[in-house]
N, C-alpha and C. Protein backbone atom coordinates (compact mmCIF):
# COMPACT_ATOMS: atom_id res chain seq x y z
N MET A 1 -12.06 12.24 45.93
CA MET A 1 -12.50 12.52 44.56
C MET A 1 -14.01 12.33 44.47
N SER A 2 -14.62 13.20 43.72
CA SER A 2 -16.06 13.08 43.54
C SER A 2 -16.35 12.11 42.40
N ILE A 3 -17.59 11.72 42.29
CA ILE A 3 -18.01 10.76 41.26
C ILE A 3 -17.79 11.30 39.85
N PRO A 4 -18.12 12.56 39.54
CA PRO A 4 -17.83 13.06 38.19
C PRO A 4 -16.33 13.03 37.84
N GLU A 5 -15.47 13.31 38.81
CA GLU A 5 -14.04 13.25 38.56
C GLU A 5 -13.59 11.82 38.28
N LEU A 6 -14.13 10.84 39.02
CA LEU A 6 -13.80 9.44 38.78
C LEU A 6 -14.25 9.00 37.39
N ILE A 7 -15.43 9.42 36.99
CA ILE A 7 -15.93 9.07 35.65
C ILE A 7 -15.04 9.70 34.58
N LEU A 8 -14.65 10.95 34.77
CA LEU A 8 -13.78 11.63 33.81
C LEU A 8 -12.43 10.92 33.69
N VAL A 9 -11.84 10.54 34.81
CA VAL A 9 -10.56 9.83 34.79
C VAL A 9 -10.72 8.48 34.10
N TYR A 10 -11.78 7.75 34.40
CA TYR A 10 -12.04 6.44 33.81
C TYR A 10 -12.19 6.55 32.29
N VAL A 11 -12.98 7.50 31.82
CA VAL A 11 -13.20 7.68 30.38
C VAL A 11 -11.90 8.13 29.70
N THR A 12 -11.16 9.02 30.33
CA THR A 12 -9.90 9.50 29.76
C THR A 12 -8.90 8.35 29.62
N VAL A 13 -8.78 7.52 30.63
CA VAL A 13 -7.86 6.38 30.58
C VAL A 13 -8.28 5.41 29.47
N LEU A 14 -9.57 5.15 29.35
CA LEU A 14 -10.04 4.25 28.29
C LEU A 14 -9.77 4.83 26.91
N LEU A 15 -10.01 6.11 26.71
CA LEU A 15 -9.75 6.73 25.42
C LEU A 15 -8.26 6.74 25.08
N LEU A 16 -7.42 6.98 26.07
CA LEU A 16 -5.98 6.92 25.84
C LEU A 16 -5.54 5.50 25.47
N GLY A 17 -6.14 4.52 26.10
CA GLY A 17 -5.83 3.13 25.76
C GLY A 17 -6.23 2.78 24.34
N VAL A 18 -7.42 3.20 23.93
CA VAL A 18 -7.88 2.95 22.56
C VAL A 18 -6.99 3.67 21.56
N ALA A 19 -6.60 4.90 21.86
CA ALA A 19 -5.72 5.66 20.97
C ALA A 19 -4.35 4.98 20.86
N ALA A 20 -3.82 4.48 21.96
CA ALA A 20 -2.52 3.80 21.95
C ALA A 20 -2.58 2.53 21.10
N VAL A 21 -3.65 1.77 21.22
CA VAL A 21 -3.81 0.56 20.41
C VAL A 21 -3.95 0.91 18.93
N ALA A 22 -4.67 1.96 18.61
CA ALA A 22 -4.84 2.38 17.22
C ALA A 22 -3.51 2.83 16.62
N ILE A 23 -2.74 3.60 17.36
CA ILE A 23 -1.43 4.05 16.86
C ILE A 23 -0.50 2.87 16.69
N TYR A 24 -0.47 1.96 17.64
CA TYR A 24 0.38 0.77 17.54
C TYR A 24 0.01 -0.08 16.32
N SER A 25 -1.28 -0.30 16.10
CA SER A 25 -1.68 -1.13 14.97
C SER A 25 -1.37 -0.44 13.64
N GLU A 26 -1.49 0.87 13.57
CA GLU A 26 -1.16 1.61 12.34
C GLU A 26 0.34 1.53 12.06
N LEU A 27 1.16 1.70 13.06
CA LEU A 27 2.61 1.59 12.87
C LEU A 27 2.99 0.17 12.45
N ARG A 28 2.37 -0.81 13.02
CA ARG A 28 2.66 -2.20 12.66
C ARG A 28 2.22 -2.50 11.23
N ARG A 29 1.06 -1.97 10.81
CA ARG A 29 0.57 -2.18 9.45
C ARG A 29 1.52 -1.55 8.44
N ARG A 30 1.99 -0.35 8.72
CA ARG A 30 2.91 0.33 7.81
C ARG A 30 4.24 -0.40 7.69
N ARG A 31 4.68 -1.01 8.76
CA ARG A 31 5.96 -1.70 8.75
C ARG A 31 5.92 -2.93 7.86
N PHE A 32 4.80 -3.64 7.82
CA PHE A 32 4.71 -4.89 7.07
C PHE A 32 4.00 -4.75 5.73
N ALA A 33 3.48 -3.60 5.41
CA ALA A 33 2.78 -3.40 4.14
C ALA A 33 3.79 -3.33 3.00
N PRO A 34 3.46 -3.91 1.86
CA PRO A 34 4.38 -3.81 0.72
C PRO A 34 4.46 -2.38 0.20
N THR A 35 5.62 -2.00 -0.26
CA THR A 35 5.79 -0.66 -0.79
C THR A 35 5.38 -0.63 -2.26
N ALA A 36 4.89 0.51 -2.68
CA ALA A 36 4.46 0.65 -4.07
C ALA A 36 5.69 0.69 -4.98
N THR A 37 5.57 0.06 -6.12
CA THR A 37 6.67 0.02 -7.07
C THR A 37 6.48 1.11 -8.12
N GLU A 38 7.57 1.60 -8.66
CA GLU A 38 7.52 2.64 -9.68
C GLU A 38 7.52 2.03 -11.09
N ASP A 39 7.61 0.72 -11.20
CA ASP A 39 7.68 0.07 -12.50
C ASP A 39 6.40 0.29 -13.30
N ARG A 40 6.55 0.25 -14.63
CA ARG A 40 5.41 0.35 -15.53
C ARG A 40 4.91 -1.05 -15.86
N ILE A 41 3.62 -1.17 -16.10
CA ILE A 41 3.00 -2.45 -16.41
C ILE A 41 2.73 -2.52 -17.90
N PHE A 42 3.10 -3.65 -18.50
CA PHE A 42 2.92 -3.86 -19.92
C PHE A 42 2.10 -5.12 -20.15
N ARG A 43 1.31 -5.13 -21.22
CA ARG A 43 0.58 -6.33 -21.65
C ARG A 43 0.90 -6.54 -23.12
N CYS A 44 1.37 -7.72 -23.44
CA CYS A 44 1.77 -8.03 -24.81
C CYS A 44 0.52 -8.13 -25.69
N THR A 45 0.58 -7.44 -26.84
CA THR A 45 -0.55 -7.47 -27.77
C THR A 45 -0.58 -8.77 -28.57
N LYS A 46 0.52 -9.49 -28.60
CA LYS A 46 0.60 -10.73 -29.37
C LYS A 46 0.21 -11.95 -28.53
N CYS A 47 0.84 -12.11 -27.37
CA CYS A 47 0.59 -13.32 -26.57
C CYS A 47 -0.21 -13.06 -25.30
N GLY A 48 -0.43 -11.78 -24.91
CA GLY A 48 -1.22 -11.46 -23.73
C GLY A 48 -0.46 -11.52 -22.42
N TYR A 49 0.84 -11.75 -22.46
CA TYR A 49 1.66 -11.83 -21.25
C TYR A 49 1.71 -10.46 -20.56
N VAL A 50 1.54 -10.44 -19.25
CA VAL A 50 1.60 -9.20 -18.47
C VAL A 50 2.93 -9.19 -17.71
N TYR A 51 3.66 -8.08 -17.82
CA TYR A 51 4.97 -7.98 -17.19
C TYR A 51 5.25 -6.51 -16.83
N THR A 52 6.30 -6.30 -16.06
CA THR A 52 6.69 -4.94 -15.66
C THR A 52 8.08 -4.62 -16.19
N ASP A 53 8.37 -3.33 -16.28
CA ASP A 53 9.68 -2.86 -16.70
C ASP A 53 9.97 -1.55 -15.98
N ASP A 54 11.16 -1.05 -16.13
CA ASP A 54 11.59 0.18 -15.45
C ASP A 54 10.68 1.36 -15.78
N PRO A 55 10.58 2.34 -14.87
CA PRO A 55 9.69 3.48 -15.10
C PRO A 55 10.14 4.41 -16.22
N ASP A 56 11.40 4.36 -16.62
CA ASP A 56 11.88 5.25 -17.66
C ASP A 56 11.76 4.66 -19.07
N VAL A 57 11.19 3.47 -19.21
CA VAL A 57 11.05 2.79 -20.50
C VAL A 57 9.69 3.13 -21.10
N ASP A 58 9.68 3.63 -22.35
CA ASP A 58 8.43 3.95 -23.03
C ASP A 58 7.83 2.74 -23.74
N ARG A 59 8.67 1.91 -24.31
CA ARG A 59 8.25 0.68 -24.98
C ARG A 59 9.13 -0.44 -24.45
N SER A 60 8.54 -1.62 -24.29
CA SER A 60 9.29 -2.74 -23.73
C SER A 60 9.06 -3.99 -24.56
N ARG A 61 10.09 -4.82 -24.64
CA ARG A 61 10.00 -6.06 -25.39
C ARG A 61 9.48 -7.17 -24.48
N CYS A 62 8.48 -7.91 -24.97
CA CYS A 62 7.90 -9.04 -24.24
C CYS A 62 8.96 -10.13 -24.10
N SER A 63 9.11 -10.66 -22.90
CA SER A 63 10.11 -11.71 -22.67
C SER A 63 9.64 -13.07 -23.19
N GLN A 64 8.35 -13.21 -23.50
CA GLN A 64 7.83 -14.47 -23.99
C GLN A 64 7.93 -14.60 -25.51
N CYS A 65 7.55 -13.53 -26.24
CA CYS A 65 7.50 -13.64 -27.69
C CYS A 65 8.33 -12.57 -28.42
N GLY A 66 8.84 -11.56 -27.74
CA GLY A 66 9.69 -10.55 -28.34
C GLY A 66 8.96 -9.37 -28.95
N GLN A 67 7.66 -9.28 -28.83
CA GLN A 67 6.86 -8.19 -29.37
C GLN A 67 7.11 -6.91 -28.55
N MET A 68 7.27 -5.77 -29.24
CA MET A 68 7.41 -4.49 -28.54
C MET A 68 6.02 -3.98 -28.14
N ASN A 69 5.87 -3.49 -26.90
CA ASN A 69 4.56 -3.09 -26.37
C ASN A 69 4.64 -1.76 -25.68
N ASP A 70 3.51 -1.05 -25.69
CA ASP A 70 3.34 0.19 -24.95
C ASP A 70 2.82 -0.15 -23.55
N PRO A 71 3.08 0.74 -22.57
CA PRO A 71 2.58 0.47 -21.21
C PRO A 71 1.06 0.60 -21.14
N ILE A 72 0.49 -0.08 -20.16
CA ILE A 72 -0.95 0.00 -19.90
C ILE A 72 -1.23 1.31 -19.19
N ALA A 73 -2.25 2.04 -19.65
CA ALA A 73 -2.66 3.28 -19.00
C ALA A 73 -3.91 2.99 -18.18
N PHE A 74 -3.86 3.27 -16.88
CA PHE A 74 -5.02 3.05 -16.01
C PHE A 74 -5.85 4.29 -15.90
């Protein structure tokens, strides 16, 4: 093998190793990352309590004081 071929093989092996580590770390991150929730977020206008409720609920009752609240719009 000539020197350019050895350099090409060396660089290719290193790049494949870096790609394998990147793919492995991405798969591992996805496995342990929390999943996004579909719940709506509410903040009570009376007591300020922040809570969540089902995504199909338009208004929700605060569990602390009983006030009906609209969801927070981001």
